[in-house]
């Protein structure tokens, strides 16, 4: 099975504010979807108008599934989701600023939703 890696850390030094996720399930995770800022509006003549404002990494939402998430990973993620609104998110394709929106434990797998809010 294909695995991905992700690092999450606090923007300032915090002894509990760092976690390395080596056990991301590539099959169940969505980390590379791309979305453009565009709106399609119907017009009175039956056509449409497309307002395309382009692509930005800040529209990305990462859906991460951890296979066999450890108690240490869960505790670190729970701490960061409660204590920090912005975190450093390191992925194979770049360094980002993000927000941990949701953490859940379903069927023995940790599920994490990360909103990318900027680049580093």
C-alpha atoms as a PDB file:
ATOM      1  CA  UNK A   1       0.000   0.000   0.000  1.00  0.00           C
ATOM      2  CA  UNK A   2       1.259   3.473  -0.909  1.00  0.00           C
ATOM      3  CA  UNK A   3       2.032   5.768   2.070  1.00  0.00           C
ATOM      4  CA  UNK A   4       2.462   9.544   2.222  1.00  0.00           C
ATOM      5  CA  UNK A   5       4.263  11.712   4.777  1.00  0.00           C
ATOM      6  CA  UNK A   6       3.206  14.954   6.429  1.00  0.00           C
ATOM      7  CA  UNK A   7       4.672  17.066   9.225  1.00  0.00           C
ATOM      8  CA  UNK A   8       2.640  19.433  11.396  1.00  0.00           C
ATOM      9  CA  UNK A   9       4.238  21.860  13.847  1.00  0.00           C
ATOM     10  CA  UNK A  10       3.417  24.993  15.789  1.00  0.00           C
ATOM     11  CA  UNK A  11       4.631  28.365  14.450  1.00  0.00           C
ATOM     12  CA  UNK A  12       6.590  29.011  17.657  1.00  0.00           C
ATOM     13  CA  UNK A  13       8.527  26.623  19.855  1.00  0.00           C
ATOM     14  CA  UNK A  14       6.260  24.302  21.823  1.00  0.00           C
ATOM     15  CA  UNK A  15       7.536  21.074  23.325  1.00  0.00           C
ATOM     16  CA  UNK A  16       4.249  19.319  22.466  1.00  0.00           C
ATOM     17  CA  UNK A  17       3.685  21.095  19.149  1.00  0.00           C
ATOM     18  CA  UNK A  18       5.144  18.778  16.533  1.00  0.00           C
ATOM     19  CA  UNK A  19       3.971  15.561  14.934  1.00  0.00           C
ATOM     20  CA  UNK A  20       5.310  13.558  11.987  1.00  0.00           C
ATOM     21  CA  UNK A  21       2.721  11.487  10.144  1.00  0.00           C
ATOM     22  CA  UNK A  22       4.399   8.634   8.253  1.00  0.00           C
ATOM     23  CA  UNK A  23       1.360   6.379   8.120  1.00  0.00           C
ATOM     24  CA  UNK A  24      -0.996   8.312   5.820  1.00  0.00           C
ATOM     25  CA  UNK A  25      -3.110   6.051   3.625  1.00  0.00           C
ATOM     26  CA  UNK A  26      -2.774   7.373   0.084  1.00  0.00           C
ATOM     27  CA  UNK A  27      -5.801   5.402  -1.140  1.00  0.00           C
ATOM     28  CA  UNK A  28      -8.219   6.927   1.399  1.00  0.00           C
ATOM     29  CA  UNK A  29      -6.675  10.411   1.678  1.00  0.00           C
ATOM     30  CA  UNK A  30      -7.182  13.420  -0.575  1.00  0.00           C
ATOM     31  CA  UNK A  31      -4.082  15.604  -0.393  1.00  0.00           C
ATOM     32  CA  UNK A  32      -3.600  16.721  -3.984  1.00  0.00           C
ATOM     33  CA  UNK A  33      -6.970  17.956  -5.267  1.00  0.00           C
ATOM     34  CA  UNK A  34      -6.719  21.295  -7.054  1.00  0.00           C
ATOM     35  CA  UNK A  35      -9.557  23.822  -7.199  1.00  0.00           C
ATOM     36  CA  UNK A  36      -9.815  27.062  -9.157  1.00  0.00           C
ATOM     37  CA  UNK A  37     -11.621  30.134  -7.839  1.00  0.00           C
ATOM     38  CA  UNK A  38     -14.404  30.318 -10.378  1.00  0.00           C
ATOM     39  CA  UNK A  39     -18.115  31.058 -10.359  1.00  0.00           C
ATOM     40  CA  UNK A  40     -20.533  30.233 -13.175  1.00  0.00           C
ATOM     41  CA  UNK A  41     -23.555  32.536 -13.329  1.00  0.00           C
ATOM     42  CA  UNK A  42     -26.547  31.903 -15.606  1.00  0.00           C
ATOM     43  CA  UNK A  43     -27.472  34.791 -17.904  1.00  0.00           C
ATOM     44  CA  UNK A  44     -30.923  35.921 -19.068  1.00  0.00           C
ATOM     45  CA  UNK A  45     -30.276  34.811 -22.665  1.00  0.00           C
ATOM     46  CA  UNK A  46     -29.827  31.166 -21.621  1.00  0.00           C
ATOM     47  CA  UNK A  47     -26.036  31.256 -21.593  1.00  0.00           C
ATOM     48  CA  UNK A  48     -23.651  31.666 -18.718  1.00  0.00           C
ATOM     49  CA  UNK A  49     -20.882  33.939 -17.492  1.00  0.00           C
ATOM     50  CA  UNK A  50     -17.735  32.459 -15.968  1.00  0.00           C
ATOM     51  CA  UNK A  51     -15.802  34.551 -13.476  1.00  0.00           C
ATOM     52  CA  UNK A  52     -12.430  32.775 -13.187  1.00  0.00           C
ATOM     53  CA  UNK A  53     -10.062  34.185 -10.574  1.00  0.00           C
ATOM     54  CA  UNK A  54      -7.442  31.459 -11.015  1.00  0.00           C
ATOM     55  CA  UNK A  55      -5.756  28.962  -8.737  1.00  0.00           C
ATOM     56  CA  UNK A  56      -4.316  29.435  -5.281  1.00  0.00           C
ATOM     57  CA  UNK A  57      -2.970  26.925  -2.774  1.00  0.00           C
ATOM     58  CA  UNK A  58      -5.037  28.699  -0.125  1.00  0.00           C
ATOM     59  CA  UNK A  59      -8.191  26.983  -1.432  1.00  0.00           C
ATOM     60  CA  UNK A  60      -6.838  23.500  -0.756  1.00  0.00           C
ATOM     61  CA  UNK A  61      -8.508  21.227   1.776  1.00  0.00           C
ATOM     62  CA  UNK A  62      -6.586  18.115   2.799  1.00  0.00           C
ATOM     63  CA  UNK A  63      -8.460  15.012   3.909  1.00  0.00           C
ATOM     64  CA  UNK A  64      -5.912  12.814   5.672  1.00  0.00           C
ATOM     65  CA  UNK A  65      -6.495   9.240   6.859  1.00  0.00           C
ATOM     66  CA  UNK A  66      -3.919   7.666   9.163  1.00  0.00           C
ATOM     67  CA  UNK A  67      -3.560   3.917   9.185  1.00  0.00           C
ATOM     68  CA  UNK A  68      -2.852   2.680  12.696  1.00  0.00           C
ATOM     69  CA  UNK A  69      -2.636   6.155  14.220  1.00  0.00           C
ATOM     70  CA  UNK A  70      -0.733   6.020  17.485  1.00  0.00           C
ATOM     71  CA  UNK A  71      -1.870   7.434  20.819  1.00  0.00           C
ATOM     72  CA  UNK A  72       1.021   9.924  20.655  1.00  0.00           C
ATOM     73  CA  UNK A  73      -0.129  11.166  17.240  1.00  0.00           C
ATOM     74  CA  UNK A  74      -3.712  11.502  18.438  1.00  0.00           C
ATOM     75  CA  UNK A  75      -2.677  13.371  21.599  1.00  0.00           C
ATOM     76  CA  UNK A  76      -0.414  15.765  19.655  1.00  0.00           C
ATOM     77  CA  UNK A  77      -3.115  16.487  17.084  1.00  0.00           C
ATOM     78  CA  UNK A  78      -5.769  16.973  19.784  1.00  0.00           C
ATOM     79  CA  UNK A  79      -3.487  19.412  21.612  1.00  0.00           C
ATOM     80  CA  UNK A  80      -2.716  21.422  18.459  1.00  0.00           C
ATOM     81  CA  UNK A  81      -6.352  21.565  17.308  1.00  0.00           C
ATOM     82  CA  UNK A  82      -7.338  22.976  20.713  1.00  0.00           C
ATOM     83  CA  UNK A  83      -4.438  25.391  21.178  1.00  0.00           C
ATOM     84  CA  UNK A  84      -3.474  26.776  17.729  1.00  0.00           C
ATOM     85  CA  UNK A  85      -5.408  28.414  14.913  1.00  0.00           C
ATOM     86  CA  UNK A  86      -2.420  28.330  12.514  1.00  0.00           C
ATOM     87  CA  UNK A  87       0.182  25.616  12.111  1.00  0.00           C
ATOM     88  CA  UNK A  88       3.087  24.806   9.812  1.00  0.00           C
ATOM     89  CA  UNK A  89       2.126  22.040   7.387  1.00  0.00           C
ATOM     90  CA  UNK A  90       4.968  20.326   5.523  1.00  0.00           C
ATOM     91  CA  UNK A  91       4.100  18.140   2.532  1.00  0.00           C
ATOM     92  CA  UNK A  92       6.204  16.526  -0.184  1.00  0.00           C
ATOM     93  CA  UNK A  93       5.125  19.320  -2.583  1.00  0.00           C
ATOM     94  CA  UNK A  94       5.806  22.299  -0.312  1.00  0.00           C
ATOM     95  CA  UNK A  95       5.553  24.163   2.985  1.00  0.00           C
ATOM     96  CA  UNK A  96       2.222  25.684   3.974  1.00  0.00           C
ATOM     97  CA  UNK A  97       0.369  27.442   6.756  1.00  0.00           C
ATOM     98  CA  UNK A  98      -2.813  25.667   7.731  1.00  0.00           C
ATOM     99  CA  UNK A  99      -5.605  25.122  10.199  1.00  0.00           C
ATOM    100  CA  UNK A 100      -6.600  21.772  11.673  1.00  0.00           C
ATOM    101  CA  UNK A 101     -10.342  21.927  11.122  1.00  0.00           C
ATOM    102  CA  UNK A 102     -11.411  18.468  12.299  1.00  0.00           C
ATOM    103  CA  UNK A 103     -10.006  15.332  13.903  1.00  0.00           C
ATOM    104  CA  UNK A 104     -12.015  12.135  14.274  1.00  0.00           C
ATOM    105  CA  UNK A 105     -11.372   8.505  15.096  1.00  0.00           C
ATOM    106  CA  UNK A 106     -13.528   6.236  12.947  1.00  0.00           C
ATOM    107  CA  UNK A 107     -13.059   2.513  12.640  1.00  0.00           C
ATOM    108  CA  UNK A 108      -9.607   2.587  14.211  1.00  0.00           C
ATOM    109  CA  UNK A 109      -8.352   5.179  11.727  1.00  0.00           C
ATOM    110  CA  UNK A 110      -7.601   8.807  12.519  1.00  0.00           C
ATOM    111  CA  UNK A 111      -9.192  11.229  10.051  1.00  0.00           C
ATOM    112  CA  UNK A 112      -7.877  14.771   9.849  1.00  0.00           C
ATOM    113  CA  UNK A 113      -9.152  17.747   7.825  1.00  0.00           C
ATOM    114  CA  UNK A 114      -6.586  20.487   7.160  1.00  0.00           C
ATOM    115  CA  UNK A 115      -7.424  23.856   5.581  1.00  0.00           C
ATOM    116  CA  UNK A 116      -4.443  25.401   3.804  1.00  0.00           C
ATOM    117  CA  UNK A 117      -4.445  29.160   4.486  1.00  0.00           C
ATOM    118  CA  UNK A 118      -1.100  30.238   3.050  1.00  0.00           C
ATOM    119  CA  UNK A 119       2.324  29.265   1.761  1.00  0.00           C
ATOM    120  CA  UNK A 120       5.736  29.612   3.359  1.00  0.00           C
END
